[in-house]
Structures are given as C-alpha cells and as structure tokens.
C-alpha cells in the first residue's frame, strides 16, 4: 500500500465526513433552519469542494513520482 493511496483514502474520508455533517446541519429536524447550523453546513460543503481541488492537485503532482 503506497503513501499516495493512503493519502487518497484519508482525503476521501474527510470529504465524506464534511458532507455527512453538512447533511445533518441541513436536514436534521432539530437543527434545520437554525442559522448557525445552516452556516456550518454551507462551510462544510465548501470544505468538501476545496478537498476535491486539493486531491486533484495532489494527484497531478505525484503522478510521475513513484511512492511505495
């Protein structure tokens, strides 16, 4: 298992956690519509999008590097 693969798994897990938390902030009946939770959900969506761009950047930079 290469360090590149581990990095991909960790970034994917971070994106999943951010999106699950955003979903909770938006759709849980006990907090839905509450402004702080709505802002936190929006921030988590932005963080997940940022992680997608970071992962693309990382994969481009490490394409030619052999990491084992």
N, C-alpha and C. Protein backbone atom coordinates (compact mmCIF):
# COMPACT_ATOMS: atom_id res chain seq x y z
N UNK A 1 0.85 -1.16 0.00
CA UNK A 1 0.00 0.00 0.00
C UNK A 1 0.91 1.24 0.00
N UNK A 2 0.71 2.08 -1.00
CA UNK A 2 1.57 3.25 -1.13
C UNK A 2 1.04 4.41 -0.30
N UNK A 3 1.92 5.34 -0.04
CA UNK A 3 1.51 6.53 0.71
C UNK A 3 0.53 7.37 -0.11
N UNK A 4 0.63 7.28 -1.43
CA UNK A 4 -0.32 8.00 -2.29
C UNK A 4 -1.73 7.46 -2.10
N UNK A 5 -1.87 6.16 -2.04
CA UNK A 5 -3.17 5.54 -1.82
C UNK A 5 -3.73 5.91 -0.45
N UNK A 6 -2.89 5.86 0.57
CA UNK A 6 -3.33 6.23 1.92
C UNK A 6 -3.80 7.68 1.94
N UNK A 7 -3.08 8.55 1.26
CA UNK A 7 -3.46 9.96 1.18
C UNK A 7 -4.83 10.11 0.52
N UNK A 8 -5.06 9.37 -0.55
CA UNK A 8 -6.34 9.43 -1.24
C UNK A 8 -7.48 8.97 -0.32
N UNK A 9 -7.26 7.91 0.42
CA UNK A 9 -8.28 7.39 1.32
C UNK A 9 -8.60 8.40 2.42
N UNK A 10 -7.58 9.01 2.99
CA UNK A 10 -7.80 9.98 4.07
C UNK A 10 -8.54 11.21 3.55
N UNK A 11 -8.17 11.72 2.39
CA UNK A 11 -8.85 12.88 1.83
C UNK A 11 -10.30 12.53 1.49
N UNK A 12 -10.54 11.35 0.92
CA UNK A 12 -11.90 10.93 0.62
C UNK A 12 -12.73 10.81 1.90
N UNK A 13 -12.13 10.28 2.96
CA UNK A 13 -12.84 10.16 4.23
C UNK A 13 -13.18 11.54 4.80
N UNK A 14 -12.26 12.48 4.67
CA UNK A 14 -12.52 13.84 5.15
C UNK A 14 -13.65 14.48 4.37
N UNK A 15 -13.69 14.25 3.06
CA UNK A 15 -14.80 14.78 2.25
C UNK A 15 -16.12 14.15 2.69
N UNK A 16 -16.12 12.85 2.93
CA UNK A 16 -17.34 12.16 3.35
C UNK A 16 -17.83 12.69 4.69
N UNK A 17 -16.93 12.88 5.63
CA UNK A 17 -17.31 13.39 6.96
C UNK A 17 -17.89 14.79 6.83
N UNK A 18 -17.25 15.64 6.03
CA UNK A 18 -17.75 17.01 5.85
C UNK A 18 -19.14 17.01 5.23
N UNK A 19 -19.37 16.15 4.25
CA UNK A 19 -20.68 16.12 3.59
C UNK A 19 -21.76 15.50 4.49
N UNK A 20 -21.39 14.51 5.29
CA UNK A 20 -22.36 13.93 6.22
C UNK A 20 -22.75 14.97 7.28
N UNK A 21 -21.78 15.71 7.79
CA UNK A 21 -22.09 16.74 8.77
C UNK A 21 -22.94 17.85 8.14
N UNK A 22 -22.63 18.22 6.90
CA UNK A 22 -23.44 19.24 6.21
C UNK A 22 -24.88 18.74 6.04
N UNK A 23 -25.03 17.49 5.67
CA UNK A 23 -26.37 16.92 5.55
C UNK A 23 -27.13 16.95 6.86
N UNK A 24 -26.43 16.66 7.94
CA UNK A 24 -27.06 16.71 9.25
C UNK A 24 -27.48 18.14 9.57
N UNK A 25 -26.60 19.10 9.28
CA UNK A 25 -26.93 20.51 9.56
C UNK A 25 -28.13 20.98 8.75
N UNK A 26 -28.27 20.51 7.53
CA UNK A 26 -29.36 20.96 6.67
C UNK A 26 -30.67 20.22 6.90
N UNK A 27 -30.62 18.93 7.22
CA UNK A 27 -31.83 18.11 7.19
C UNK A 27 -32.29 17.55 8.52
N UNK A 28 -31.52 17.66 9.58
CA UNK A 28 -31.99 17.17 10.88
C UNK A 28 -33.09 18.11 11.39
N UNK A 29 -34.26 17.57 11.70
CA UNK A 29 -35.37 18.44 12.10
C UNK A 29 -35.09 19.27 13.36
N UNK A 30 -34.24 18.80 14.23
CA UNK A 30 -33.99 19.54 15.47
C UNK A 30 -33.10 20.77 15.25
N UNK A 31 -32.33 20.81 14.14
CA UNK A 31 -31.46 21.95 13.90
C UNK A 31 -31.69 22.62 12.55
N UNK A 32 -32.53 22.04 11.70
CA UNK A 32 -32.76 22.58 10.36
C UNK A 32 -33.36 23.98 10.47
N UNK A 33 -32.82 24.90 9.68
CA UNK A 33 -33.31 26.27 9.67
C UNK A 33 -32.66 27.17 10.70
N UNK A 34 -31.89 26.62 11.59
CA UNK A 34 -31.18 27.40 12.58
C UNK A 34 -29.94 28.00 11.90
N UNK A 35 -29.77 29.31 11.97
CA UNK A 35 -28.73 29.99 11.20
C UNK A 35 -27.32 29.47 11.46
N UNK A 36 -26.88 29.28 12.70
CA UNK A 36 -25.51 28.77 12.89
C UNK A 36 -25.28 27.40 12.24
N UNK A 37 -26.28 26.54 12.30
CA UNK A 37 -26.14 25.22 11.70
C UNK A 37 -26.17 25.30 10.17
N UNK A 38 -26.97 26.20 9.63
CA UNK A 38 -27.00 26.40 8.19
C UNK A 38 -25.65 26.91 7.69
N UNK A 39 -25.06 27.85 8.43
CA UNK A 39 -23.74 28.37 8.05
C UNK A 39 -22.67 27.28 8.17
N UNK A 40 -22.75 26.48 9.22
CA UNK A 40 -21.78 25.39 9.39
C UNK A 40 -21.92 24.37 8.27
N UNK A 41 -23.15 24.08 7.86
CA UNK A 41 -23.37 23.16 6.75
C UNK A 41 -22.81 23.69 5.45
N UNK A 42 -23.04 24.98 5.20
CA UNK A 42 -22.51 25.60 3.98
C UNK A 42 -20.98 25.59 4.00
N UNK A 43 -20.39 25.86 5.15
CA UNK A 43 -18.93 25.83 5.27
C UNK A 43 -18.40 24.43 5.01
N UNK A 44 -19.08 23.42 5.49
CA UNK A 44 -18.64 22.04 5.25
C UNK A 44 -18.73 21.66 3.78
N UNK A 45 -19.74 22.15 3.09
CA UNK A 45 -19.83 21.89 1.65
C UNK A 45 -18.66 22.55 0.94
N UNK A 46 -18.33 23.78 1.32
CA UNK A 46 -17.19 24.48 0.71
C UNK A 46 -15.88 23.76 1.02
N UNK A 47 -15.74 23.24 2.21
CA UNK A 47 -14.53 22.49 2.57
C UNK A 47 -14.43 21.23 1.73
N UNK A 48 -15.53 20.53 1.53
CA UNK A 48 -15.52 19.32 0.70
C UNK A 48 -15.13 19.65 -0.74
N UNK A 49 -15.64 20.75 -1.27
CA UNK A 49 -15.26 21.18 -2.62
C UNK A 49 -13.77 21.52 -2.66
N UNK A 50 -13.29 22.20 -1.65
CA UNK A 50 -11.86 22.52 -1.57
C UNK A 50 -11.00 21.26 -1.52
N UNK A 51 -11.46 20.25 -0.82
CA UNK A 51 -10.72 18.99 -0.75
C UNK A 51 -10.68 18.28 -2.09
N UNK A 52 -11.73 18.42 -2.89
CA UNK A 52 -11.72 17.84 -4.25
C UNK A 52 -10.61 18.48 -5.07
N UNK A 53 -10.51 19.81 -5.02
CA UNK A 53 -9.47 20.50 -5.77
C UNK A 53 -8.08 20.18 -5.23
N UNK A 54 -7.97 20.05 -3.91
CA UNK A 54 -6.68 19.68 -3.32
C UNK A 54 -6.26 18.29 -3.78
N UNK A 55 -7.20 17.36 -3.80
CA UNK A 55 -6.89 15.99 -4.22
C UNK A 55 -6.45 15.95 -5.68
N UNK A 56 -7.14 16.71 -6.53
CA UNK A 56 -6.74 16.79 -7.95
C UNK A 56 -5.32 17.34 -8.07
N UNK A 57 -5.02 18.38 -7.30
CA UNK A 57 -3.68 18.98 -7.33
C UNK A 57 -2.64 17.96 -6.85
N UNK A 58 -2.94 17.25 -5.78
CA UNK A 58 -2.02 16.25 -5.25
C UNK A 58 -1.78 15.14 -6.26
N UNK A 59 -2.83 14.66 -6.91
CA UNK A 59 -2.68 13.57 -7.88
C UNK A 59 -1.87 14.01 -9.10
N UNK A 60 -2.04 15.24 -9.53
CA UNK A 60 -1.25 15.75 -10.65
C UNK A 60 0.23 15.84 -10.29
N UNK A 61 0.50 16.31 -9.08
CA UNK A 61 1.90 16.47 -8.65
C UNK A 61 2.60 15.15 -8.42
N UNK A 62 1.87 14.13 -8.00
CA UNK A 62 2.51 12.85 -7.67
C UNK A 62 2.35 11.81 -8.77
N UNK A 63 1.84 12.20 -9.91
CA UNK A 63 1.63 11.23 -11.00
C UNK A 63 2.93 10.58 -11.42
N UNK A 64 4.00 11.36 -11.52
CA UNK A 64 5.27 10.83 -12.03
C UNK A 64 6.21 10.39 -10.92
N UNK A 65 5.83 10.63 -9.68
CA UNK A 65 6.67 10.22 -8.56
C UNK A 65 6.23 8.82 -8.13
N UNK A 66 7.19 7.94 -7.96
CA UNK A 66 6.90 6.58 -7.51
C UNK A 66 7.04 6.56 -6.00
N UNK A 67 5.92 6.40 -5.31
CA UNK A 67 5.91 6.37 -3.86
C UNK A 67 5.45 4.98 -3.40
N UNK A 68 6.31 4.28 -2.72
CA UNK A 68 5.95 2.94 -2.23
C UNK A 68 6.10 2.88 -0.75
